Amino acid sequence: MEDVLASSLTNRSNKQIRTEISMAVMKNQMDQQEAQAAALVKMIQNTSLDGTGRLVNRTA
C-alpha cells in the first residue's frame, strides 16, 4: 500500500513539474514574440510611406 501511495505521489509530482516547465517555456516564447512585435511596430513607424526614404509625418 505504501509503495502505491509513494508511486502515485511521485507521478503527480512529475506531472506538476512538467506542467510548470511547459508554462515557463510558453511564457518565455510569449515574451519573445511580444518583443519582436514591438520591434516590428517601431520599424514600421520609422519607415517612410512615399518610397523616397524620407520620413513622412503621418500624424499631420
N, C-alpha and C. Protein backbone atom coordinates (compact mmCIF):
# COMPACT_ATOMS: atom_id res chain seq x y z
N MET A 1 0.82 -1.20 0.00
CA MET A 1 0.00 0.00 0.00
C MET A 1 0.87 1.26 0.00
N GLU A 2 1.93 1.26 0.79
CA GLU A 2 2.80 2.42 0.85
C GLU A 2 3.50 2.65 -0.49
N ASP A 3 3.87 1.56 -1.16
CA ASP A 3 4.52 1.69 -2.47
C ASP A 3 3.59 2.33 -3.48
N VAL A 4 2.33 1.95 -3.45
CA VAL A 4 1.35 2.51 -4.37
C VAL A 4 1.16 3.99 -4.09
N LEU A 5 1.08 4.36 -2.84
CA LEU A 5 0.91 5.75 -2.46
C LEU A 5 2.14 6.58 -2.86
N ALA A 6 3.31 6.05 -2.58
CA ALA A 6 4.54 6.75 -2.94
C ALA A 6 4.64 6.91 -4.45
N SER A 7 4.30 5.87 -5.18
CA SER A 7 4.34 5.92 -6.65
C SER A 7 3.34 6.95 -7.17
N SER A 8 2.17 6.98 -6.59
CA SER A 8 1.15 7.93 -7.01
C SER A 8 1.60 9.37 -6.76
N LEU A 9 2.18 9.63 -5.60
CA LEU A 9 2.66 10.98 -5.29
C LEU A 9 3.81 11.38 -6.19
N THR A 10 4.70 10.43 -6.51
CA THR A 10 5.82 10.72 -7.40
C THR A 10 5.32 11.06 -8.79
N ASN A 11 4.36 10.29 -9.30
CA ASN A 11 3.80 10.56 -10.62
C ASN A 11 3.12 11.92 -10.66
N ARG A 12 2.40 12.25 -9.60
CA ARG A 12 1.72 13.55 -9.54
C ARG A 12 2.75 14.68 -9.52
N SER A 13 3.82 14.48 -8.75
CA SER A 13 4.87 15.49 -8.68
C SER A 13 5.54 15.67 -10.04
N ASN A 14 5.81 14.57 -10.72
CA ASN A 14 6.43 14.64 -12.05
C ASN A 14 5.53 15.38 -13.04
N LYS A 15 4.25 15.11 -12.99
CA LYS A 15 3.31 15.80 -13.88
C LYS A 15 3.28 17.29 -13.57
N GLN A 16 3.31 17.64 -12.29
CA GLN A 16 3.29 19.04 -11.90
C GLN A 16 4.57 19.74 -12.38
N ILE A 17 5.70 19.10 -12.25
CA ILE A 17 6.97 19.68 -12.70
C ILE A 17 6.95 19.88 -14.22
N ARG A 18 6.46 18.88 -14.96
CA ARG A 18 6.38 19.02 -16.42
C ARG A 18 5.46 20.16 -16.80
N THR A 19 4.35 20.31 -16.09
CA THR A 19 3.42 21.40 -16.37
C THR A 19 4.08 22.75 -16.10
N GLU A 20 4.80 22.86 -15.00
CA GLU A 20 5.46 24.12 -14.67
C GLU A 20 6.54 24.47 -15.70
N ILE A 21 7.27 23.47 -16.16
CA ILE A 21 8.29 23.70 -17.19
C ILE A 21 7.63 24.15 -18.49
N SER A 22 6.56 23.48 -18.87
CA SER A 22 5.84 23.85 -20.09
C SER A 22 5.32 25.29 -20.02
N MET A 23 4.80 25.66 -18.86
CA MET A 23 4.28 27.02 -18.70
C MET A 23 5.42 28.04 -18.76
N ALA A 24 6.56 27.72 -18.19
CA ALA A 24 7.70 28.64 -18.23
C ALA A 24 8.20 28.82 -19.66
N VAL A 25 8.25 27.73 -20.41
CA VAL A 25 8.69 27.80 -21.80
C VAL A 25 7.70 28.63 -22.61
N MET A 26 6.40 28.41 -22.39
CA MET A 26 5.37 29.15 -23.11
C MET A 26 5.45 30.65 -22.79
N LYS A 27 5.66 30.98 -21.52
CA LYS A 27 5.78 32.39 -21.14
C LYS A 27 7.00 33.02 -21.79
N ASN A 28 8.09 32.29 -21.85
CA ASN A 28 9.30 32.79 -22.49
C ASN A 28 9.04 33.06 -23.98
N GLN A 29 8.36 32.15 -24.64
CA GLN A 29 8.03 32.33 -26.06
C GLN A 29 7.12 33.54 -26.26
N MET A 30 6.16 33.71 -25.38
CA MET A 30 5.25 34.85 -25.49
C MET A 30 6.00 36.16 -25.28
N ASP A 31 6.93 36.18 -24.33
CA ASP A 31 7.73 37.38 -24.10
C ASP A 31 8.58 37.72 -25.32
N GLN A 32 9.17 36.69 -25.95
CA GLN A 32 9.97 36.90 -27.15
C GLN A 32 9.10 37.43 -28.29
N GLN A 33 7.92 36.88 -28.46
CA GLN A 33 7.02 37.34 -29.52
C GLN A 33 6.57 38.77 -29.27
N GLU A 34 6.35 39.12 -28.02
CA GLU A 34 5.95 40.49 -27.69
C GLU A 34 7.08 41.47 -28.03
N ALA A 35 8.31 41.07 -27.71
CA ALA A 35 9.45 41.94 -28.03
C ALA A 35 9.63 42.08 -29.54
N GLN A 36 9.44 40.99 -30.27
CA GLN A 36 9.56 41.04 -31.73
C GLN A 36 8.46 41.91 -32.32
N ALA A 37 7.26 41.81 -31.79
CA ALA A 37 6.15 42.63 -32.29
C ALA A 37 6.42 44.11 -32.02
N ALA A 38 6.93 44.43 -30.86
CA ALA A 38 7.24 45.82 -30.54
C ALA A 38 8.32 46.35 -31.48
N ALA A 39 9.33 45.53 -31.78
CA ALA A 39 10.39 45.95 -32.70
C ALA A 39 9.82 46.16 -34.10
N LEU A 40 8.91 45.31 -34.52
CA LEU A 40 8.29 45.44 -35.84
C LEU A 40 7.45 46.71 -35.93
N VAL A 41 6.68 46.98 -34.89
CA VAL A 41 5.88 48.21 -34.87
C VAL A 41 6.79 49.43 -34.94
N LYS A 42 7.88 49.42 -34.18
CA LYS A 42 8.82 50.53 -34.20
C LYS A 42 9.42 50.71 -35.59
N MET A 43 9.78 49.60 -36.24
CA MET A 43 10.35 49.66 -37.58
C MET A 43 9.34 50.24 -38.57
N ILE A 44 8.08 49.81 -38.46
CA ILE A 44 7.04 50.31 -39.37
C ILE A 44 6.82 51.80 -39.15
N GLN A 45 6.82 52.23 -37.90
CA GLN A 45 6.60 53.64 -37.60
C GLN A 45 7.74 54.51 -38.11
N ASN A 46 8.93 53.95 -38.23
CA ASN A 46 10.09 54.72 -38.68
C ASN A 46 10.34 54.59 -40.18
N THR A 47 9.43 53.98 -40.91
CA THR A 47 9.58 53.78 -42.34
C THR A 47 8.78 54.83 -43.09
N SER A 48 9.36 55.32 -44.18
CA SER A 48 8.62 56.30 -44.99
C SER A 48 7.57 55.58 -45.82
N LEU A 49 6.51 56.29 -46.10
CA LEU A 49 5.42 55.70 -46.87
C LEU A 49 5.44 56.12 -48.33
N ASP A 50 6.26 57.09 -48.69
CA ASP A 50 6.22 57.59 -50.06
C ASP A 50 7.31 57.01 -50.96
N GLY A 51 8.16 56.14 -50.42
CA GLY A 51 9.17 55.49 -51.25
C GLY A 51 10.42 56.32 -51.46
N THR A 52 10.50 57.50 -50.90
CA THR A 52 11.67 58.35 -51.11
C THR A 52 12.77 58.08 -50.10
N GLY A 53 12.47 57.38 -49.05
CA GLY A 53 13.44 57.16 -47.99
C GLY A 53 13.39 58.23 -46.93
N ARG A 54 12.61 59.28 -47.17
CA ARG A 54 12.45 60.33 -46.18
C ARG A 54 11.29 59.97 -45.26
N LEU A 55 11.40 60.37 -44.02
CA LEU A 55 10.31 60.14 -43.07
C LEU A 55 9.16 61.06 -43.39
N VAL A 56 7.96 60.54 -43.29
CA VAL A 56 6.75 61.30 -43.57
C VAL A 56 6.00 61.48 -42.27
N ASN A 57 5.56 62.68 -42.01
CA ASN A 57 4.77 62.94 -40.80
C ASN A 57 3.36 62.42 -41.05
N ARG A 58 3.06 61.26 -40.52
CA ARG A 58 1.75 60.64 -40.75
C ARG A 58 0.71 61.14 -39.77
N THR A 59 1.13 61.92 -38.79
CA THR A 59 0.17 62.40 -37.79
C THR A 59 -0.46 63.72 -38.21
N ALA A 60 0.04 64.34 -39.24
CA ALA A 60 -0.48 65.64 -39.68
C ALA A 60 -1.78 65.48 -40.43
